[in-house]
Amino acid sequence: MSASPETAAGTVVRSALESMGAEGRARVLASVARRFSDLDLAEEMVQEAMVQALRTWGRDGVPEVPEAWLITAAKRRGIDTLRRDQARARLIPRLGALQERDPGSGSVADPADEVLSRDFSPVPDERLGLFFACAHPVLKPEERIALTLRFLAGLSTAEVAHGLLVPVPTMQQRLVRAKRRIRALGISFDVPSRELLPERLAAVQRVVYLLFAEGFARSGGQAHVRDDLTEEAIRLAKVLHQLMPGSAEAAGLLGLLLLTQARRPARTDEAGRPIPLAEQDRSRWDGQLIAEGLALAERAASAPGAGAYAIQAAIAAVHAEAADVESTDWSQIAVLYRMLESYEPNPVVRLGRAVAWGRARGMQEGLAQLEDLVGDPALERFRPFHIARALTLEEAGDFAAAGAAYRRALELPGNEAESEFLSLALLGVQNAQK
């Protein structure tokens, strides 16, 4: 029995909305937020516009440019809402400028036909330009990063919380406070002029880095990796490097991402489970990405202003140049982590230094360093810490303690492919104890 025309039309509309993906929805939200300086209002209006699309597109057909249609519809609904909402009366002065650009406020006959005006942007990529816009200096650094990841990069609140090593409720409160600050101060989401880009670069780079990190090892879901996120992060890092060719940190970030991505072909088995670095077939690493990454890492290390990303690129370069784990210059990596800690004194850096120290000075010294990190609130919630500890304990022959660490890792959120790997590893150490 064939579907009715109404059902078929609804399926086409839902498919068109779903095909936009998180990235498309983030662009629509950012464009609307830019007009109203109110993320809560923008979210509400975008949702209403999507509901309206389900009705209108099913009747009139999917417009040629769905994003433009949604932006226009959400903008008009926002203007109407502000006219009616006295609680948002402080935004009323903005209506004049908005109405000049959009005098009509009735039904949206065919907004896709409208040409949305775009100001000249010094950033040659719309999405990256929005990242710079969201990195407003009035916002606290952690607010800029969280807002950009959540609303422009399309990550969930839980994914953002994982990337910034905070509990989900804390992240929810942080996002609420940031949105209130934007609304109270009337912050606009305009792309800054070229001379103001350097002061916002650090926040934007952090967003790109965390976007890559979420794709490299997912904090949830079924698969261990999300190639669309890592590829998008690399694309954005390339634009940043082109935008600021003299920046050591822009070169360092791109070099780091390329060298890390080079391992991708060897990072998972046929079932999609992760393969630890020590067990990866390095002949499968991408030689072209390694060559590009090494050149960028060298350039970053020798350029003025080298910092955290240049150091991390140097660490990745040491790994890339080694034939195997045993021949890796772990002493150099440990020194580089100590340098990195002066820029980023966070527990994840201390974790990396502990692992490198153990490889360089002996497993027992590495375990001692790892034990010093036990009890850190951020690491206690961080599954990779317990995985690193379990692997180290297993290699040292302490199977009982390794089993406890694997069990703790399995208690924490993570992707299903990684959980399967941990379950198999736990079974292995349990068998070794018999």
Protein backbone atom coordinates (compact mmCIF):
# COMPACT_ATOMS: atom_id res chain seq x y z
CA MET A 1 0.00 0.00 0.00
CA SER A 2 1.53 3.34 -1.05
CA ALA A 3 1.89 6.25 1.34
CA SER A 4 -0.62 9.09 1.17
CA PRO A 5 0.53 12.38 -0.40
CA GLU A 6 0.45 14.02 3.04
CA THR A 7 2.65 11.30 4.54
CA ALA A 8 5.06 11.38 1.60
CA ALA A 9 5.35 15.18 1.80
CA GLY A 10 5.99 15.01 5.55
CA THR A 11 8.73 12.45 4.99
CA VAL A 12 10.41 14.69 2.41
CA VAL A 13 10.25 17.69 4.74
CA ARG A 14 11.66 15.80 7.71
CA SER A 15 14.41 14.43 5.50
CA ALA A 16 15.26 17.97 4.32
CA LEU A 17 15.45 19.21 7.92
CA GLU A 18 17.53 16.24 9.05
CA SER A 19 19.92 16.63 6.12
CA MET A 20 20.92 20.05 7.45
CA GLY A 21 22.59 18.27 10.36
CA ALA A 22 23.88 19.85 13.53
CA GLU A 23 26.16 22.15 11.53
CA GLY A 24 23.30 23.59 9.46
CA ARG A 25 21.08 24.09 12.50
CA ALA A 26 23.98 25.79 14.29
CA ARG A 27 24.39 28.21 11.36
CA VAL A 28 20.70 29.07 11.46
CA LEU A 29 20.79 29.60 15.23
CA ALA A 30 23.92 31.75 15.01
CA SER A 31 22.45 33.94 12.29
CA VAL A 32 19.27 34.53 14.31
CA ALA A 33 21.21 35.10 17.54
CA ARG A 34 23.35 37.64 15.74
CA ARG A 35 20.24 39.70 14.96
CA PHE A 36 18.73 39.62 18.46
CA SER A 37 21.70 39.21 20.87
CA ASP A 38 19.56 36.71 22.78
CA LEU A 39 20.33 32.99 22.52
CA ASP A 40 17.19 31.94 24.40
CA LEU A 41 15.01 33.93 22.01
CA ALA A 42 16.98 32.65 19.03
CA GLU A 43 16.58 29.01 20.10
CA GLU A 44 12.86 29.50 20.64
CA MET A 45 12.36 31.19 17.28
CA VAL A 46 14.39 28.60 15.36
CA GLN A 47 12.30 25.82 16.89
CA GLU A 48 9.12 27.64 15.89
CA ALA A 49 10.48 28.19 12.39
CA MET A 50 11.17 24.47 12.04
CA VAL A 51 7.63 23.66 13.17
CA GLN A 52 6.36 26.18 10.62
CA ALA A 53 8.54 24.54 7.97
CA LEU A 54 6.86 21.19 8.59
CA ARG A 55 3.53 22.78 7.67
CA THR A 56 4.59 25.16 4.91
CA TRP A 57 7.09 22.96 3.08
CA GLY A 58 4.67 20.05 3.11
CA ARG A 59 2.19 22.30 1.26
CA ASP A 60 4.46 24.41 -0.95
CA GLY A 61 7.51 22.20 -1.32
CA VAL A 62 11.00 22.40 0.17
CA PRO A 63 12.63 25.76 -0.70
CA GLU A 64 15.80 25.91 -2.72
CA VAL A 65 17.78 27.22 0.27
CA PRO A 66 16.23 25.72 3.42
CA GLU A 67 18.65 27.50 5.79
CA ALA A 68 17.77 30.90 4.33
CA TRP A 69 14.07 30.12 4.69
CA LEU A 70 14.48 29.15 8.34
CA ILE A 71 16.62 32.21 9.14
CA THR A 72 14.07 34.55 7.58
CA ALA A 73 11.12 32.84 9.25
CA ALA A 74 12.81 32.81 12.66
CA LYS A 75 13.82 36.45 12.32
CA ARG A 76 10.26 37.54 11.53
CA ARG A 77 8.81 35.52 14.39
CA GLY A 78 11.42 37.05 16.69
CA ILE A 79 10.41 40.56 15.70
CA ASP A 80 6.75 39.75 16.32
CA THR A 81 7.62 38.21 19.70
CA LEU A 82 9.57 41.27 20.79
CA ARG A 83 6.68 43.55 19.86
CA ARG A 84 4.38 41.56 22.15
CA ASP A 85 6.80 40.75 24.98
CA GLN A 86 7.11 43.68 27.40
CA ALA A 87 9.64 41.74 29.50
CA ARG A 88 12.04 42.13 26.61
CA ALA A 89 11.21 45.81 26.13
CA ARG A 90 14.88 46.78 26.31
CA LEU A 91 15.37 45.11 22.93
CA ILE A 92 12.64 47.16 21.29
CA PRO A 93 15.07 49.88 20.06
CA ARG A 94 16.70 47.19 17.94
CA LEU A 95 13.43 46.62 16.14
CA GLY A 96 13.79 49.76 14.08
CA ALA A 97 16.91 48.55 12.32
CA LEU A 98 15.48 45.05 11.97
CA GLN A 99 12.22 46.32 10.49
CA GLU A 100 14.07 48.48 7.98
CA ARG A 101 15.62 45.30 6.63
CA ASP A 102 12.40 43.34 6.97
CA PRO A 103 9.28 45.54 6.88
CA GLY A 104 6.95 42.62 6.33
CA SER A 105 5.89 40.58 9.33
CA GLY A 106 3.07 38.42 8.07
CA SER A 107 3.24 34.92 6.70
CA VAL A 108 6.39 33.77 4.98
CA ALA A 109 5.33 33.07 1.41
CA ASP A 110 8.74 32.14 0.04
CA PRO A 111 11.59 33.43 2.20
CA ALA A 112 14.06 31.31 0.27
CA ASP A 113 13.80 33.82 -2.54
CA GLU A 114 15.10 36.59 -0.31
CA VAL A 115 18.74 37.50 -0.57
CA LEU A 116 20.19 37.70 2.93
CA SER A 117 22.60 40.59 3.17
CA ARG A 118 26.05 39.71 4.46
CA ASP A 119 28.54 42.24 5.72
CA PHE A 120 32.10 41.93 4.52
CA SER A 121 33.92 39.57 6.86
CA PRO A 122 37.68 39.47 7.46
CA VAL A 123 37.32 35.72 8.09
CA PRO A 124 37.08 33.75 4.80
CA ASP A 125 34.82 31.08 6.26
CA GLU A 126 31.31 31.70 7.56
CA ARG A 127 31.40 29.13 10.34
CA LEU A 128 34.82 30.18 11.60
CA GLY A 129 33.68 33.80 11.46
CA LEU A 130 30.81 32.90 13.79
CA PHE A 131 33.30 31.24 16.15
CA PHE A 132 35.20 34.54 16.32
CA ALA A 133 31.93 36.41 16.83
CA CYS A 134 31.01 34.22 19.80
CA ALA A 135 34.45 34.70 21.38
CA HIS A 136 33.43 38.14 22.63
CA PRO A 137 35.90 39.57 25.20
CA VAL A 138 33.07 40.60 27.55
CA LEU A 139 32.31 36.93 28.11
CA LYS A 140 34.51 34.88 30.43
CA PRO A 141 36.96 32.61 28.55
CA GLU A 142 35.20 29.42 29.64
CA GLU A 143 31.85 30.90 28.60
CA ARG A 144 33.08 31.76 25.11
CA ILE A 145 34.34 28.23 24.54
CA ALA A 146 31.27 26.52 26.00
CA LEU A 147 28.81 28.67 24.05
CA THR A 148 30.63 28.17 20.77
CA LEU A 149 30.91 24.41 21.18
CA ARG A 150 27.28 24.05 22.23
CA PHE A 151 25.47 26.41 19.87
CA LEU A 152 27.78 26.90 16.88
CA ALA A 153 29.80 23.68 16.75
CA GLY A 154 26.69 21.60 17.44
CA LEU A 155 27.99 19.50 20.37
CA SER A 156 25.61 18.41 23.10
CA THR A 157 25.85 19.82 26.62
CA ALA A 158 27.23 16.48 27.82
CA GLU A 159 29.92 16.50 25.11
CA VAL A 160 30.93 20.07 25.99
CA ALA A 161 31.07 19.17 29.69
CA HIS A 162 33.30 16.18 28.91
CA GLY A 163 35.65 18.30 26.81
CA LEU A 164 35.98 20.94 29.54
CA LEU A 165 36.24 18.38 32.38
CA VAL A 166 33.25 19.61 34.35
CA PRO A 167 30.03 17.88 35.48
CA VAL A 168 27.03 18.26 33.20
CA PRO A 169 25.01 20.30 35.77
CA THR A 170 27.93 22.71 36.09
CA MET A 171 28.04 23.12 32.33
CA GLN A 172 24.30 23.70 32.18
CA GLN A 173 24.61 26.48 34.76
CA ARG A 174 27.56 27.99 32.90
CA LEU A 175 25.60 28.13 29.66
CA VAL A 176 22.61 29.72 31.38
CA ARG A 177 24.81 32.39 32.98
CA ALA A 178 26.53 33.11 29.68
CA LYS A 179 23.22 33.53 27.85
CA ARG A 180 22.01 35.88 30.55
CA ARG A 181 25.18 37.94 30.22
CA ILE A 182 24.71 38.19 26.46
CA ARG A 183 21.12 39.32 26.90
CA ALA A 184 21.90 41.78 29.71
CA LEU A 185 24.79 43.42 27.87
CA GLY A 186 23.20 43.28 24.42
CA ILE A 187 26.25 41.56 22.97
CA SER A 188 26.03 41.25 19.20
CA PHE A 189 27.36 38.27 17.27
CA ASP A 190 29.20 40.36 14.70
CA VAL A 191 32.46 39.09 13.24
CA PRO A 192 35.23 41.32 14.67
CA SER A 193 37.47 43.43 12.46
CA ARG A 194 40.80 41.96 11.41
CA GLU A 195 42.82 43.85 14.04
CA LEU A 196 40.67 42.33 16.79
CA LEU A 197 41.06 38.73 15.66
CA PRO A 198 44.30 37.99 17.59
CA GLU A 199 42.68 38.71 20.96
CA ARG A 200 39.99 36.13 20.20
CA LEU A 201 42.26 33.56 18.59
CA ALA A 202 42.94 31.50 21.73
CA ALA A 203 39.24 30.84 22.38
CA VAL A 204 38.59 29.91 18.75
CA GLN A 205 41.59 27.58 18.66
CA ARG A 206 40.39 25.89 21.83
CA VAL A 207 37.01 25.28 20.23
CA VAL A 208 38.61 23.73 17.14
CA TYR A 209 40.89 21.59 19.33
CA LEU A 210 37.98 20.31 21.47
CA LEU A 211 35.86 19.68 18.37
CA PHE A 212 38.66 17.46 17.07
CA ALA A 213 39.06 15.76 20.46
CA GLU A 214 35.37 14.81 20.57
CA GLY A 215 35.64 13.31 17.09
CA PHE A 216 38.95 11.55 17.88
CA ALA A 217 37.49 9.65 20.86
CA ARG A 218 33.79 10.19 21.37
CA SER A 219 32.43 10.81 24.85
CA GLY A 220 29.27 8.83 24.02
CA GLY A 221 27.40 7.06 21.24
CA GLN A 222 28.16 3.79 19.53
CA ALA A 223 31.26 4.44 17.42
CA HIS A 224 34.67 5.30 18.87
CA VAL A 225 35.38 8.06 16.34
CA ARG A 226 33.44 10.67 14.40
CA ASP A 227 35.34 11.38 11.23
CA ASP A 228 33.06 14.27 10.30
CA LEU A 229 34.14 16.15 13.44
CA THR A 230 37.86 15.51 13.02
CA GLU A 231 37.73 16.45 9.34
CA GLU A 232 35.80 19.64 10.08
CA ALA A 233 38.25 20.59 12.84
CA ILE A 234 41.17 20.10 10.45
CA ARG A 235 39.43 22.18 7.81
CA LEU A 236 38.89 25.00 10.30
CA ALA A 237 42.49 24.75 11.52
CA LYS A 238 43.67 25.13 7.92
CA VAL A 239 41.57 28.27 7.51
CA LEU A 240 43.02 29.65 10.75
CA HIS A 241 46.54 28.94 9.54
CA GLN A 242 45.84 30.69 6.23
CA LEU A 243 44.24 33.59 8.07
CA MET A 244 47.24 34.00 10.39
CA PRO A 245 50.22 32.50 8.54
CA GLY A 246 52.75 34.04 10.93
CA SER A 247 51.15 32.59 14.07
CA ALA A 248 53.18 29.86 15.73
CA GLU A 249 50.10 28.61 17.54
CA ALA A 250 48.00 28.44 14.35
CA ALA A 251 50.75 26.36 12.73
CA GLY A 252 51.09 24.28 15.90
CA LEU A 253 47.38 23.50 16.12
CA LEU A 254 47.18 22.42 12.49
CA GLY A 255 50.36 20.36 12.82
CA LEU A 256 49.02 18.67 15.96
CA LEU A 257 45.72 17.75 14.32
CA LEU A 258 47.36 16.42 11.15
CA LEU A 259 49.88 14.29 13.06
CA THR A 260 47.14 12.90 15.29
CA GLN A 261 44.80 12.24 12.38
CA ALA A 262 47.63 10.38 10.61
CA ARG A 263 47.08 7.50 13.06
CA ARG A 264 43.42 7.14 12.08
CA PRO A 265 43.79 4.07 9.77
CA ALA A 266 45.40 2.07 12.61
CA ARG A 267 43.34 3.28 15.57
CA THR A 268 40.41 0.87 15.39
CA ASP A 269 40.02 -2.81 14.62
CA GLU A 270 37.55 -4.38 12.19
CA ALA A 271 34.81 -4.22 14.83
CA GLY A 272 35.46 -0.51 15.43
CA ARG A 273 37.06 -1.04 18.85
CA PRO A 274 40.00 1.22 19.74
CA ILE A 275 43.56 -0.10 19.43
CA PRO A 276 46.04 1.28 22.02
CA LEU A 277 48.99 3.23 20.66
CA ALA A 278 51.45 0.50 21.66
CA GLU A 279 49.59 -2.07 19.55
CA GLN A 280 48.96 0.00 16.42
CA ASP A 281 50.43 -1.04 13.07
CA ARG A 282 52.43 2.09 12.28
CA SER A 283 52.88 1.08 8.67
CA ARG A 284 49.22 2.04 8.27
CA TRP A 285 49.77 5.58 9.52
CA ASP A 286 49.21 8.22 6.82
CA GLY A 287 52.66 9.25 5.57
CA GLN A 288 51.44 12.35 3.74
CA LEU A 289 49.71 13.73 6.83
CA ILE A 290 52.82 12.99 8.88
CA ALA A 291 55.04 14.88 6.43
CA GLU A 292 52.69 17.88 6.44
CA GLY A 293 52.36 17.77 10.22
CA LEU A 294 56.10 17.50 10.85
CA ALA A 295 56.79 20.54 8.68
CA LEU A 296 54.17 22.55 10.55
CA ALA A 297 55.43 21.37 13.95
CA GLU A 298 58.98 22.44 13.06
CA ARG A 299 57.75 25.82 11.83
CA ALA A 300 55.70 26.35 14.98
CA ALA A 301 58.59 25.45 17.29
CA SER A 302 60.90 28.00 15.69
CA ALA A 303 58.40 30.86 15.33
CA PRO A 304 57.92 33.68 17.84
CA GLY A 305 55.01 33.18 20.20
CA ALA A 306 55.19 29.39 20.31
CA GLY A 307 52.98 28.07 23.11
CA ALA A 308 50.74 25.16 24.08
CA TYR A 309 49.81 24.02 20.57
CA ALA A 310 53.38 24.24 19.30
CA ILE A 311 54.47 22.04 22.23
CA GLN A 312 51.68 19.53 21.65
CA ALA A 313 52.62 19.40 17.97
CA ALA A 314 56.20 18.65 19.03
CA ILE A 315 54.95 15.78 21.23
CA ALA A 316 52.93 14.38 18.34
CA ALA A 317 56.00 14.74 16.09
CA VAL A 318 58.13 12.61 18.45
CA HIS A 319 55.50 9.87 18.27
CA ALA A 320 55.26 10.15 14.48
CA GLU A 321 59.00 9.83 13.98
CA ALA A 322 59.36 6.71 16.15
CA ALA A 323 59.31 3.24 14.60
CA ASP A 324 57.51 1.80 17.62
CA VAL A 325 56.67 2.51 21.25
CA GLU A 326 59.94 1.10 22.55
CA SER A 327 62.11 3.34 20.37
CA THR A 328 60.07 6.48 21.13
CA ASP A 329 62.06 9.24 22.86
CA TRP A 330 59.91 9.22 25.99
CA SER A 331 62.36 11.39 27.91
CA GLN A 332 61.87 14.16 25.37
CA ILE A 333 58.11 13.73 25.56
CA ALA A 334 58.22 13.97 29.36
CA VAL A 335 60.22 17.21 29.11
CA LEU A 336 57.77 18.59 26.57
CA TYR A 337 54.85 17.76 28.87
CA ARG A 338 56.58 19.61 31.69
CA MET A 339 56.91 22.62 29.37
CA LEU A 340 53.27 22.26 28.38
CA GLU A 341 52.23 22.26 32.02
CA SER A 342 53.58 25.81 32.39
CA TYR A 343 51.02 26.89 29.75
CA GLU A 344 48.19 24.54 30.70
CA PRO A 345 48.47 23.39 34.33
CA ASN A 346 45.56 21.00 34.10
CA PRO A 347 45.17 17.35 35.19
CA VAL A 348 45.08 15.96 31.63
CA VAL A 349 48.55 17.40 30.95
CA ARG A 350 49.79 15.92 34.25
CA LEU A 351 48.33 12.59 33.14
CA GLY A 352 50.28 12.73 29.86
CA ARG A 353 53.47 13.61 31.73
CA ALA A 354 52.98 10.69 34.15
CA VAL A 355 52.59 8.20 31.31
CA ALA A 356 55.65 9.57 29.49
CA TRP A 357 57.68 9.58 32.71
CA GLY A 358 56.83 5.93 33.30
CA ARG A 359 57.97 5.00 29.80
CA ALA A 360 61.18 6.96 30.21
CA ARG A 361 62.12 6.07 33.80
CA GLY A 362 60.42 2.76 34.42
CA MET A 363 56.94 1.50 35.02
CA GLN A 364 57.09 1.82 38.81
CA GLU A 365 57.98 5.51 38.62
CA GLY A 366 55.17 6.03 36.15
CA LEU A 367 52.74 4.26 38.45
CA ALA A 368 53.86 6.44 41.35
CA GLN A 369 53.11 9.53 39.25
CA LEU A 370 49.71 8.14 38.28
CA GLU A 371 48.89 7.31 41.90
CA ASP A 372 49.60 10.94 42.80
CA LEU A 373 46.74 11.88 40.46
CA VAL A 374 44.23 9.51 42.06
CA GLY A 375 41.54 11.52 43.80
CA ASP A 376 41.70 14.50 41.47
CA PRO A 377 37.99 15.39 41.00
CA ALA A 378 38.31 16.08 37.28
CA LEU A 379 40.30 12.93 36.55
CA GLU A 380 38.02 10.80 38.70
CA ARG A 381 35.26 11.53 36.15
CA PHE A 382 37.64 11.20 33.17
CA ARG A 383 37.50 7.75 31.63
CA PRO A 384 40.86 8.05 29.78
CA PHE A 385 42.64 8.47 33.14
CA HIS A 386 41.35 5.14 34.40
CA ILE A 387 42.15 3.50 31.06
CA ALA A 388 45.73 4.79 31.18
CA ARG A 389 46.09 3.60 34.75
CA ALA A 390 44.60 0.18 33.91
CA LEU A 391 46.93 -0.32 30.94
CA THR A 392 49.96 0.69 33.01
CA LEU A 393 49.01 -1.59 35.90
CA GLU A 394 48.40 -4.47 33.51
CA GLU A 395 51.79 -3.98 31.89
CA ALA A 396 53.38 -3.89 35.35
CA GLY A 397 51.74 -7.23 36.15
CA ASP A 398 49.35 -5.98 38.84
CA PHE A 399 46.28 -7.64 37.36
CA ALA A 400 44.02 -7.17 40.38
CA ALA A 401 44.56 -3.40 40.43
CA ALA A 402 44.30 -3.26 36.64
CA GLY A 403 40.94 -5.03 36.83
CA ALA A 404 39.68 -2.50 39.37
CA ALA A 405 40.78 0.36 37.10
CA TYR A 406 39.07 -1.21 34.09
CA ARG A 407 35.87 -1.63 36.10
CA ARG A 408 36.00 2.01 37.20
CA ALA A 409 36.47 3.09 33.56
CA LEU A 410 33.43 1.05 32.56
CA GLU A 411 31.33 2.84 35.20
CA LEU A 412 31.96 6.20 33.52
CA PRO A 413 30.26 7.53 30.36
CA GLY A 414 31.94 6.72 27.08
CA ASN A 415 31.29 5.31 23.64
CA GLU A 416 30.10 1.74 23.20
CA ALA A 417 33.05 0.62 21.07
CA GLU A 418 35.45 1.71 23.79
CA SER A 419 33.31 -0.01 26.43
CA GLU A 420 33.54 -3.25 24.46
CA PHE A 421 37.33 -2.91 24.36
CA LEU A 422 37.38 -2.33 28.13
CA SER A 423 35.15 -5.34 28.80
CA LEU A 424 37.50 -7.57 26.80
CA ALA A 425 40.53 -6.11 28.58
CA LEU A 426 38.88 -6.71 31.95
CA LEU A 427 38.20 -10.31 30.99
CA GLY A 428 41.85 -10.67 29.99
CA VAL A 429 43.23 -9.51 33.34
CA GLN A 430 40.70 -11.65 35.20
CA ASN A 431 41.94 -14.71 33.27
CA ALA A 432 45.54 -13.70 33.99
CA GLN A 433 44.81 -13.78 37.71
CA LYS A 434 43.67 -17.43 37.59
